[in-house]
């Protein structure tokens, strides 16, 4: 679990427009980030 002051995990996600988003970059720019993880149970 992330706590205030901890470094964000290093990973990037591709966006629909072909660019990438980096969690650590977004947090360093003081942007709010909402992650939703879906699990397929089929």
C-alpha atoms as a PDB file:
ATOM      1  CA  UNK A   1       0.000   0.000   0.000  1.00  0.00           C
ATOM      2  CA  UNK A   2       1.297   3.453  -0.871  1.00  0.00           C
ATOM      3  CA  UNK A   3       1.712   5.909   1.939  1.00  0.00           C
ATOM      4  CA  UNK A   4       2.449   9.621   1.813  1.00  0.00           C
ATOM      5  CA  UNK A   5       6.082  10.115   0.862  1.00  0.00           C
ATOM      6  CA  UNK A   6       6.555   6.656  -0.686  1.00  0.00           C
ATOM      7  CA  UNK A   7       7.789   6.387  -4.257  1.00  0.00           C
ATOM      8  CA  UNK A   8       5.143   5.300  -6.749  1.00  0.00           C
ATOM      9  CA  UNK A   9       5.601   1.948  -8.476  1.00  0.00           C
ATOM     10  CA  UNK A  10       7.252   2.231 -11.892  1.00  0.00           C
ATOM     11  CA  UNK A  11       4.888   1.201 -14.638  1.00  0.00           C
ATOM     12  CA  UNK A  12       3.344   2.725 -17.723  1.00  0.00           C
ATOM     13  CA  UNK A  13      -0.035   2.181 -19.317  1.00  0.00           C
ATOM     14  CA  UNK A  14      -0.903   2.816 -22.941  1.00  0.00           C
ATOM     15  CA  UNK A  15      -3.709   5.246 -23.642  1.00  0.00           C
ATOM     16  CA  UNK A  16      -6.277   5.084 -26.436  1.00  0.00           C
ATOM     17  CA  UNK A  17      -4.428   7.777 -28.410  1.00  0.00           C
ATOM     18  CA  UNK A  18      -1.237   5.680 -28.460  1.00  0.00           C
ATOM     19  CA  UNK A  19       0.634   7.700 -25.828  1.00  0.00           C
ATOM     20  CA  UNK A  20       1.697   6.319 -22.477  1.00  0.00           C
ATOM     21  CA  UNK A  21       0.857   7.433 -18.970  1.00  0.00           C
ATOM     22  CA  UNK A  22       3.288   6.891 -16.103  1.00  0.00           C
ATOM     23  CA  UNK A  23       1.965   6.677 -12.552  1.00  0.00           C
ATOM     24  CA  UNK A  24       5.130   8.144 -11.047  1.00  0.00           C
ATOM     25  CA  UNK A  25       5.095  11.097 -13.477  1.00  0.00           C
ATOM     26  CA  UNK A  26       1.445  11.888 -12.761  1.00  0.00           C
ATOM     27  CA  UNK A  27       2.019  11.790  -9.009  1.00  0.00           C
ATOM     28  CA  UNK A  28       5.185  13.912  -9.291  1.00  0.00           C
ATOM     29  CA  UNK A  29       3.135  16.528 -11.182  1.00  0.00           C
ATOM     30  CA  UNK A  30       0.647  16.530  -8.259  1.00  0.00           C
ATOM     31  CA  UNK A  31      -2.195  15.165 -10.356  1.00  0.00           C
ATOM     32  CA  UNK A  32      -4.917  13.019  -8.871  1.00  0.00           C
ATOM     33  CA  UNK A  33      -4.913   9.459 -10.158  1.00  0.00           C
ATOM     34  CA  UNK A  34      -7.693   6.893  -9.955  1.00  0.00           C
ATOM     35  CA  UNK A  35      -6.811   3.293 -10.796  1.00  0.00           C
ATOM     36  CA  UNK A  36      -9.506   0.701 -11.337  1.00  0.00           C
ATOM     37  CA  UNK A  37      -8.510  -2.952 -11.615  1.00  0.00           C
ATOM     38  CA  UNK A  38     -11.058  -5.338 -13.082  1.00  0.00           C
ATOM     39  CA  UNK A  39     -10.766  -9.060 -12.677  1.00  0.00           C
ATOM     40  CA  UNK A  40     -12.478 -11.416 -15.075  1.00  0.00           C
ATOM     41  CA  UNK A  41     -13.792 -14.413 -13.210  1.00  0.00           C
ATOM     42  CA  UNK A  42     -14.742 -16.489 -16.261  1.00  0.00           C
END
